[in-house]
N, C-alpha and C. Protein backbone atom coordinates (compact mmCIF):
# COMPACT_ATOMS: atom_id res chain seq x y z
N MET A 1 17.45 4.23 -4.51
CA MET A 1 16.37 3.60 -5.27
C MET A 1 15.44 2.63 -4.01
N ARG A 2 13.98 3.27 -3.92
CA ARG A 2 13.28 2.44 -3.53
C ARG A 2 11.96 2.59 -3.79
N ILE A 3 11.00 1.36 -3.19
CA ILE A 3 10.14 0.98 -3.74
C ILE A 3 9.18 1.23 -2.80
N MET A 4 7.81 1.83 -3.07
CA MET A 4 6.25 2.14 -2.11
C MET A 4 5.43 0.96 -2.38
N GLY A 5 4.84 0.81 -1.40
CA GLY A 5 3.41 0.14 -1.50
C GLY A 5 2.31 0.79 -0.64
N LEU A 6 1.37 0.55 -1.46
CA LEU A 6 -0.14 1.66 -1.20
C LEU A 6 -1.32 0.45 -0.77
N ASP A 7 -1.66 0.43 0.19
CA ASP A 7 -2.89 -0.45 0.81
C ASP A 7 -4.11 0.76 0.27
N PHE A 8 -4.66 0.86 -0.93
CA PHE A 8 -5.90 1.62 -1.42
C PHE A 8 -6.72 1.13 -0.81
N GLY A 9 -7.59 2.79 0.28
CA GLY A 9 -8.92 2.35 0.53
C GLY A 9 -9.89 3.45 0.42
N THR A 10 -10.98 3.64 0.84
CA THR A 10 -11.53 4.46 0.14
C THR A 10 -11.48 5.74 1.91
N LYS A 11 -11.02 5.63 2.82
CA LYS A 11 -10.86 6.23 3.39
C LYS A 11 -9.28 6.91 4.10
N ARG A 12 -8.84 5.55 3.70
CA ARG A 12 -7.27 5.79 3.96
C ARG A 12 -6.37 5.07 3.29
N ILE A 13 -5.21 5.51 3.19
CA ILE A 13 -4.40 5.03 2.24
C ILE A 13 -2.74 4.20 3.13
N GLY A 14 -2.80 3.18 3.22
CA GLY A 14 -1.40 2.84 3.63
C GLY A 14 -0.48 3.10 2.95
N VAL A 15 0.68 3.58 3.49
CA VAL A 15 1.94 3.84 2.58
C VAL A 15 3.28 2.90 3.68
N ALA A 16 3.74 2.20 2.64
CA ALA A 16 5.34 1.61 3.50
C ALA A 16 6.43 2.14 2.15
N VAL A 17 7.53 1.69 2.61
CA VAL A 17 8.27 2.10 1.18
C VAL A 17 9.09 0.78 2.06
N SER A 18 10.44 0.54 1.08
CA SER A 18 11.56 -0.36 1.16
C SER A 18 12.78 -0.02 1.82
N ASP A 19 13.46 -0.53 1.94
CA ASP A 19 15.29 0.21 2.11
C ASP A 19 15.70 0.15 0.95
N GLU A 20 16.53 0.44 0.85
CA GLU A 20 17.45 1.21 -0.25
C GLU A 20 18.13 -0.08 -1.08
N LEU A 21 18.02 -0.89 0.25
CA LEU A 21 18.59 -2.43 -0.37
C LEU A 21 17.56 -3.71 -1.34
N LEU A 22 16.25 -3.18 -1.19
CA LEU A 22 15.00 -3.56 -1.49
C LEU A 22 14.96 -5.11 -1.01
N LEU A 23 15.14 -5.19 0.45
CA LEU A 23 15.25 -6.22 1.41
C LEU A 23 13.94 -6.07 1.69
N THR A 24 13.50 -4.78 2.57
CA THR A 24 12.76 -4.98 3.73
C THR A 24 11.62 -3.78 3.66
N ALA A 25 10.45 -4.09 3.89
CA ALA A 25 9.38 -3.17 4.08
C ALA A 25 9.18 -2.53 5.38
N GLN A 26 9.36 -0.78 5.03
CA GLN A 26 8.49 -0.30 6.42
C GLN A 26 7.80 0.71 6.10
N GLY A 27 6.41 0.44 7.35
CA GLY A 27 5.51 1.24 7.32
C GLY A 27 5.61 2.59 7.58
N LEU A 28 5.40 3.64 6.53
CA LEU A 28 5.53 5.19 6.62
C LEU A 28 4.98 5.71 7.40
N ASP A 29 3.18 5.64 6.53
CA ASP A 29 2.31 6.66 7.22
C ASP A 29 0.87 6.73 6.78
N THR A 30 -0.06 6.75 7.37
CA THR A 30 -1.35 6.40 6.35
C THR A 30 -1.60 7.85 6.16
N VAL A 31 -2.56 7.56 4.80
CA VAL A 31 -2.91 9.35 4.53
C VAL A 31 -4.52 9.45 4.29
N GLN A 32 -4.88 10.15 5.17
CA GLN A 32 -6.64 10.38 5.51
C GLN A 32 -7.00 10.38 4.19
N ARG A 33 -7.92 9.95 3.41
CA ARG A 33 -8.55 10.58 2.12
C ARG A 33 -8.92 11.99 1.82
N LYS A 34 -8.87 12.96 1.12
CA LYS A 34 -9.64 14.07 1.21
C LYS A 34 -10.47 14.01 -0.34
N ASP A 35 -9.57 13.91 -1.60
CA ASP A 35 -10.57 13.92 -2.64
C ASP A 35 -9.12 13.08 -3.86
N LEU A 36 -9.38 13.14 -4.59
CA LEU A 36 -8.75 12.24 -5.37
C LEU A 36 -6.81 13.34 -5.62
N LYS A 37 -7.63 14.65 -6.18
CA LYS A 37 -6.57 15.31 -6.65
C LYS A 37 -5.73 15.54 -5.94
N GLY A 38 -6.03 16.13 -4.46
CA GLY A 38 -4.88 16.04 -3.10
C GLY A 38 -3.97 14.82 -2.86
N ASP A 39 -5.21 13.13 -2.97
CA ASP A 39 -4.67 12.26 -2.65
C ASP A 39 -3.03 12.23 -3.12
N LEU A 40 -3.51 12.45 -4.67
CA LEU A 40 -2.37 11.57 -5.82
C LEU A 40 -1.71 12.85 -5.50
N ALA A 41 -1.81 14.17 -5.42
CA ALA A 41 -0.48 15.33 -4.91
C ALA A 41 0.35 14.61 -3.34
N LEU A 42 -0.32 14.81 -2.60
CA LEU A 42 0.68 14.20 -1.00
C LEU A 42 1.04 12.83 -1.47
N ILE A 43 0.88 11.89 -2.18
CA ILE A 43 1.20 10.39 -2.59
C ILE A 43 2.57 11.20 -3.72
N LYS A 44 2.70 11.79 -4.37
CA LYS A 44 3.71 12.27 -5.75
C LYS A 44 5.03 12.96 -4.55
N GLY A 45 4.51 13.79 -3.60
CA GLY A 45 5.77 14.49 -2.32
C GLY A 45 6.14 13.35 -1.94
N ILE A 46 5.71 12.16 -1.38
CA ILE A 46 6.19 11.07 -0.63
C ILE A 46 7.20 10.42 -2.02
N VAL A 47 6.65 10.01 -2.90
CA VAL A 47 7.53 9.59 -3.70
C VAL A 47 8.81 10.33 -3.97
N ASP A 48 8.69 12.07 -4.23
CA ASP A 48 9.98 12.96 -4.16
C ASP A 48 10.50 12.71 -3.48
N SER A 49 10.13 12.81 -1.83
CA SER A 49 10.71 12.61 -0.82
C SER A 49 11.48 11.90 -0.34
N ASN A 50 11.18 10.19 -0.89
CA ASN A 50 11.78 9.11 -0.61
C ASN A 50 12.40 8.53 -1.59
N GLY A 51 12.78 9.06 -3.06
CA GLY A 51 13.81 8.85 -3.48
C GLY A 51 13.00 7.04 -4.22
N VAL A 52 11.58 7.38 -4.66
CA VAL A 52 10.93 5.89 -4.89
C VAL A 52 11.27 5.69 -6.43
N SER A 53 11.74 4.18 -6.74
CA SER A 53 11.46 4.27 -8.19
C SER A 53 10.45 3.31 -8.76
N GLU A 54 9.43 2.65 -7.74
CA GLU A 54 8.59 1.70 -8.25
C GLU A 54 7.36 2.15 -7.06
N ILE A 55 6.04 1.82 -7.55
CA ILE A 55 4.79 2.18 -6.60
C ILE A 55 4.25 0.84 -6.74
N VAL A 56 3.99 -0.03 -6.16
CA VAL A 56 2.98 -1.07 -5.89
C VAL A 56 1.83 -0.50 -5.08
N VAL A 57 0.34 -0.87 -6.12
CA VAL A 57 -0.73 -1.08 -5.14
C VAL A 57 -1.53 -1.95 -5.00
N GLY A 58 -1.69 -2.14 -3.80
CA GLY A 58 -2.67 -3.74 -3.15
C GLY A 58 -3.91 -3.85 -4.21
N LEU A 59 -3.84 -5.09 -4.89
CA LEU A 59 -5.27 -4.87 -5.75
C LEU A 59 -6.42 -6.21 -4.83
N PRO A 60 -7.36 -5.30 -4.15
CA PRO A 60 -8.12 -6.64 -3.32
C PRO A 60 -8.95 -7.34 -4.57
N LEU A 61 -8.41 -8.39 -4.42
CA LEU A 61 -9.03 -9.60 -5.15
C LEU A 61 -10.20 -10.44 -4.11
N ASN A 62 -11.08 -10.48 -4.81
CA ASN A 62 -12.18 -11.84 -4.52
C ASN A 62 -10.98 -12.90 -4.46
N MET A 63 -11.57 -14.19 -3.10
CA MET A 63 -10.91 -15.33 -2.70
C MET A 63 -10.74 -15.97 -4.00
N ASN A 64 -11.79 -16.07 -5.02
CA ASN A 64 -11.54 -16.83 -6.27
C ASN A 64 -10.68 -16.80 -7.48
N GLY A 65 -10.32 -15.04 -6.92
CA GLY A 65 -9.26 -13.94 -7.72
C GLY A 65 -9.86 -12.99 -9.19
N THR A 66 -11.55 -12.88 -8.82
CA THR A 66 -12.18 -12.73 -9.78
C THR A 66 -11.84 -10.97 -8.97
N TYR A 67 -12.61 -9.66 -9.90
CA TYR A 67 -12.45 -8.42 -9.70
C TYR A 67 -13.64 -8.08 -8.61
N SER A 68 -13.50 -7.19 -7.77
CA SER A 68 -14.87 -6.95 -6.99
C SER A 68 -14.86 -5.14 -7.45
N GLU A 69 -15.86 -4.74 -6.52
CA GLU A 69 -16.27 -2.74 -7.07
C GLU A 69 -14.71 -2.42 -6.46
N LYS A 70 -14.34 -2.67 -5.29
CA LYS A 70 -13.04 -2.20 -4.64
C LYS A 70 -11.96 -2.68 -5.92
N THR A 71 -12.04 -3.85 -6.26
CA THR A 71 -10.76 -4.07 -6.90
C THR A 71 -10.53 -2.94 -8.36
N LYS A 72 -11.95 -2.82 -9.01
CA LYS A 72 -11.58 -1.59 -10.04
C LYS A 72 -11.43 -0.49 -9.77
N GLU A 73 -12.00 0.04 -8.01
CA GLU A 73 -11.58 1.19 -7.44
C GLU A 73 -10.04 1.49 -7.55
N ALA A 74 -9.56 0.30 -7.00
CA ALA A 74 -8.15 0.19 -7.39
C ALA A 74 -7.21 0.42 -7.87
N VAL A 75 -7.79 -0.42 -9.08
CA VAL A 75 -7.39 -0.36 -10.51
C VAL A 75 -7.04 1.18 -11.29
N LEU A 76 -8.43 1.79 -10.95
CA LEU A 76 -8.65 3.58 -11.48
C LEU A 76 -7.76 4.29 -10.69
N PHE A 77 -7.34 3.96 -9.71
CA PHE A 77 -6.48 4.54 -8.73
C PHE A 77 -5.06 4.59 -8.97
N ALA A 78 -4.81 3.46 -9.32
CA ALA A 78 -3.13 3.03 -9.99
C ALA A 78 -3.18 3.88 -11.28
N GLY A 79 -4.27 4.01 -12.09
CA GLY A 79 -3.74 4.85 -13.56
C GLY A 79 -3.96 6.13 -13.03
N GLU A 80 -4.44 6.69 -12.26
CA GLU A 80 -4.72 7.73 -12.08
C GLU A 80 -3.10 8.04 -11.48
N LEU A 81 -2.86 7.32 -10.59
CA LEU A 81 -1.39 7.78 -9.85
C LEU A 81 -0.06 7.67 -10.69
N GLU A 82 -0.65 6.85 -11.76
CA GLU A 82 0.43 6.59 -12.69
C GLU A 82 1.04 8.05 -13.60
N LYS A 83 -0.19 8.17 -13.74
CA LYS A 83 -0.42 9.73 -14.89
C LYS A 83 0.40 10.78 -14.03
N THR A 84 0.09 10.69 -12.84
CA THR A 84 0.80 11.70 -11.77
C THR A 84 2.07 11.81 -11.22
N VAL A 85 2.43 10.14 -11.08
CA VAL A 85 3.82 10.26 -10.91
C VAL A 85 5.06 10.17 -12.15
N SER A 86 5.94 9.95 -11.82
CA SER A 86 7.24 9.70 -12.95
C SER A 86 8.41 8.43 -12.80
N VAL A 87 7.02 7.44 -12.18
CA VAL A 87 7.65 6.17 -12.26
C VAL A 87 7.08 4.98 -12.28
N PRO A 88 7.20 3.84 -12.81
CA PRO A 88 6.22 2.73 -12.81
C PRO A 88 5.31 2.81 -11.59
N VAL A 89 3.95 2.14 -12.22
CA VAL A 89 2.84 1.92 -11.01
C VAL A 89 2.31 0.50 -10.92
N ARG A 90 2.46 -0.71 -10.21
CA ARG A 90 2.11 -1.38 -10.72
C ARG A 90 0.81 -2.29 -9.76
N THR A 91 0.21 -2.84 -10.03
CA THR A 91 -0.86 -3.87 -8.89
C THR A 91 -0.55 -5.01 -8.29
N TRP A 92 -0.44 -5.46 -7.04
CA TRP A 92 -0.28 -6.71 -6.11
C TRP A 92 -1.17 -7.22 -5.45
N ASP A 93 -1.62 -8.61 -6.10
CA ASP A 93 -2.71 -9.74 -5.27
C ASP A 93 -2.25 -9.01 -3.24
N GLU A 94 -3.24 -8.47 -2.65
CA GLU A 94 -3.01 -8.02 -1.61
C GLU A 94 -4.07 -9.22 -0.56
N ARG A 95 -4.42 -10.19 -1.25
CA ARG A 95 -6.13 -10.88 -0.64
C ARG A 95 -5.32 -10.99 0.67
N LEU A 96 -5.62 -10.95 2.04
CA LEU A 96 -5.72 -11.38 3.27
C LEU A 96 -4.93 -10.70 3.98
N THR A 97 -3.54 -9.59 3.65
CA THR A 97 -3.26 -8.53 4.43
C THR A 97 -3.71 -7.87 5.19
N SER A 98 -5.26 -7.32 5.08
CA SER A 98 -5.38 -7.04 5.91
C SER A 98 -5.62 -7.69 7.37
N ILE A 99 -5.86 -9.13 7.49
CA ILE A 99 -6.37 -10.27 8.22
C ILE A 99 -4.97 -10.13 9.23
N GLN A 100 -4.15 -10.33 7.83
CA GLN A 100 -2.35 -10.76 8.71
C GLN A 100 -2.39 -9.40 9.70
N ALA A 101 -2.24 -8.32 8.88
CA ALA A 101 -2.00 -7.31 9.53
C ALA A 101 -2.69 -7.01 11.02
N ASP A 102 -3.78 -7.25 10.94
CA ASP A 102 -4.73 -7.17 12.22
C ASP A 102 -4.65 -8.65 13.24
N ARG A 103 -4.44 -9.80 12.67
CA ARG A 103 -3.64 -10.75 13.40
C ARG A 103 -2.55 -10.21 14.07
N ALA A 104 -1.02 -9.81 13.74
CA ALA A 104 -0.31 -9.75 14.05
C ALA A 104 -0.69 -8.37 15.18
N MET A 105 -1.40 -7.44 15.05
CA MET A 105 -1.90 -6.43 16.05
C MET A 105 -2.08 -6.95 17.22
N LEU A 106 -2.80 -8.34 16.93
CA LEU A 106 -3.63 -8.74 18.16
C LEU A 106 -2.68 -9.78 18.95
N GLU A 107 -1.40 -10.12 18.55
CA GLU A 107 -0.62 -10.93 18.95
C GLU A 107 -0.19 -9.61 19.72
N GLY A 108 0.23 -9.09 18.97
CA GLY A 108 1.19 -7.72 20.06
C GLY A 108 0.43 -6.62 21.25
N ASP A 109 -0.76 -7.34 21.14
CA ASP A 109 -1.88 -7.20 22.34
C ASP A 109 -2.16 -5.70 22.38
N MET A 110 -2.63 -5.39 21.07
CA MET A 110 -2.53 -3.67 21.01
C MET A 110 -4.16 -3.19 21.12
N SER A 111 -4.71 -2.05 21.72
CA SER A 111 -5.55 -1.67 21.92
C SER A 111 -6.50 -1.54 20.69
N ARG A 112 -7.70 -1.31 20.61
CA ARG A 112 -8.53 -1.13 19.28
C ARG A 112 -8.36 0.09 18.81
N ALA A 113 -8.25 0.60 19.39
CA ALA A 113 -7.45 2.12 18.74
C ALA A 113 -6.60 2.37 18.55
N LYS A 114 -5.33 1.66 18.75
CA LYS A 114 -4.05 1.49 18.23
C LYS A 114 -4.10 1.03 16.43
N ARG A 115 -4.59 -0.31 17.23
CA ARG A 115 -4.77 -0.99 15.85
C ARG A 115 -5.63 -0.32 14.75
N LYS A 116 -6.58 0.23 14.69
CA LYS A 116 -7.29 1.57 13.99
C LYS A 116 -6.35 2.21 13.23
N LYS A 117 -5.35 2.89 13.99
CA LYS A 117 -4.73 3.95 13.68
C LYS A 117 -3.64 3.44 12.68
N LEU A 118 -3.13 1.98 13.08
CA LEU A 118 -1.79 1.12 12.55
C LEU A 118 -2.09 0.06 11.31
N SER A 119 -3.55 -0.47 11.56
CA SER A 119 -3.66 -1.38 10.19
C SER A 119 -3.40 -1.07 9.02
N ASP A 120 -3.82 0.16 8.34
CA ASP A 120 -3.50 0.43 6.69
C ASP A 120 -2.13 0.36 6.72
N LYS A 121 -1.26 0.98 7.28
CA LYS A 121 0.39 1.13 6.85
C LYS A 121 0.87 -0.31 7.24
N LEU A 122 0.26 -1.15 8.12
CA LEU A 122 0.70 -2.43 8.35
C LEU A 122 0.42 -3.30 6.98
N ALA A 123 -0.79 -3.25 6.53
CA ALA A 123 -1.19 -3.75 5.28
C ALA A 123 -0.07 -3.55 4.57
N ALA A 124 0.17 -1.82 4.37
CA ALA A 124 0.92 -1.64 2.95
C ALA A 124 2.44 -2.35 3.17
N GLN A 125 2.95 -2.00 4.15
CA GLN A 125 4.01 -3.29 5.09
C GLN A 125 4.03 -4.77 4.10
N ILE A 126 2.78 -5.27 4.62
CA ILE A 126 2.67 -6.63 4.43
C ILE A 126 3.00 -6.88 2.40
N ILE A 127 2.46 -5.76 2.04
CA ILE A 127 1.84 -6.14 0.66
C ILE A 127 3.11 -5.70 0.14
N LEU A 128 4.02 -4.79 0.51
CA LEU A 128 5.20 -4.45 -0.27
C LEU A 128 6.37 -5.57 0.31
N GLN A 129 6.40 -6.09 1.16
CA GLN A 129 7.41 -7.09 1.51
C GLN A 129 6.78 -8.43 0.76
N SER A 130 5.73 -8.52 0.57
CA SER A 130 5.52 -9.85 -0.33
C SER A 130 5.89 -9.82 -1.90
N TYR A 131 5.84 -8.43 -2.44
CA TYR A 131 6.57 -8.32 -3.50
C TYR A 131 7.77 -8.10 -3.53
N LEU A 132 8.36 -7.68 -2.31
CA LEU A 132 9.72 -7.57 -2.62
C LEU A 132 10.66 -8.65 -2.13
N ASP A 133 9.54 -9.92 -1.48
CA ASP A 133 10.21 -11.37 -1.67
C ASP A 133 9.86 -11.75 -3.10
N SER A 134 8.90 -11.71 -3.60
CA SER A 134 8.83 -12.22 -5.06
C SER A 134 9.81 -12.30 -5.89
N ARG A 135 10.32 -10.92 -5.70
CA ARG A 135 11.58 -10.14 -6.71
C ARG A 135 12.90 -11.28 -6.49
N LYS A 136 12.94 -11.96 -5.35
CA LYS A 136 13.91 -12.23 -4.71
C LYS A 136 14.28 -13.91 -5.75
N ARG A 137 12.85 -14.57 -5.77
CA ARG A 137 13.04 -15.87 -6.13
C ARG A 137 13.52 -16.02 -7.94
């Protein structure tokens, strides 16, 4: 049993999965977006091959907690994903996760090209780890 975290974006979707004990999140992949149907099929394949029992989609809320256009897109995506997979799909507040990911990579002295490649996957990992930590409380 694993939980998957997704950092939804218009160009890319970062993917992370938990360990089987649901303690830690590991970045898995970055999906280059093509079309919704293809994106959903690809994610379904990842769900099936990794024994995922739940999916958490990052919800990009404004700093004051209100919805933006990106938030609405993420909610619609989560709804379509839930129709495609046979596991529950939840949303999770992802405010500042991209900033956290960028800061961690800067501290690691990564080049701009490497940061761009890893940013979405690391953001998905941060979203998922936050969700896993909240379950422990």
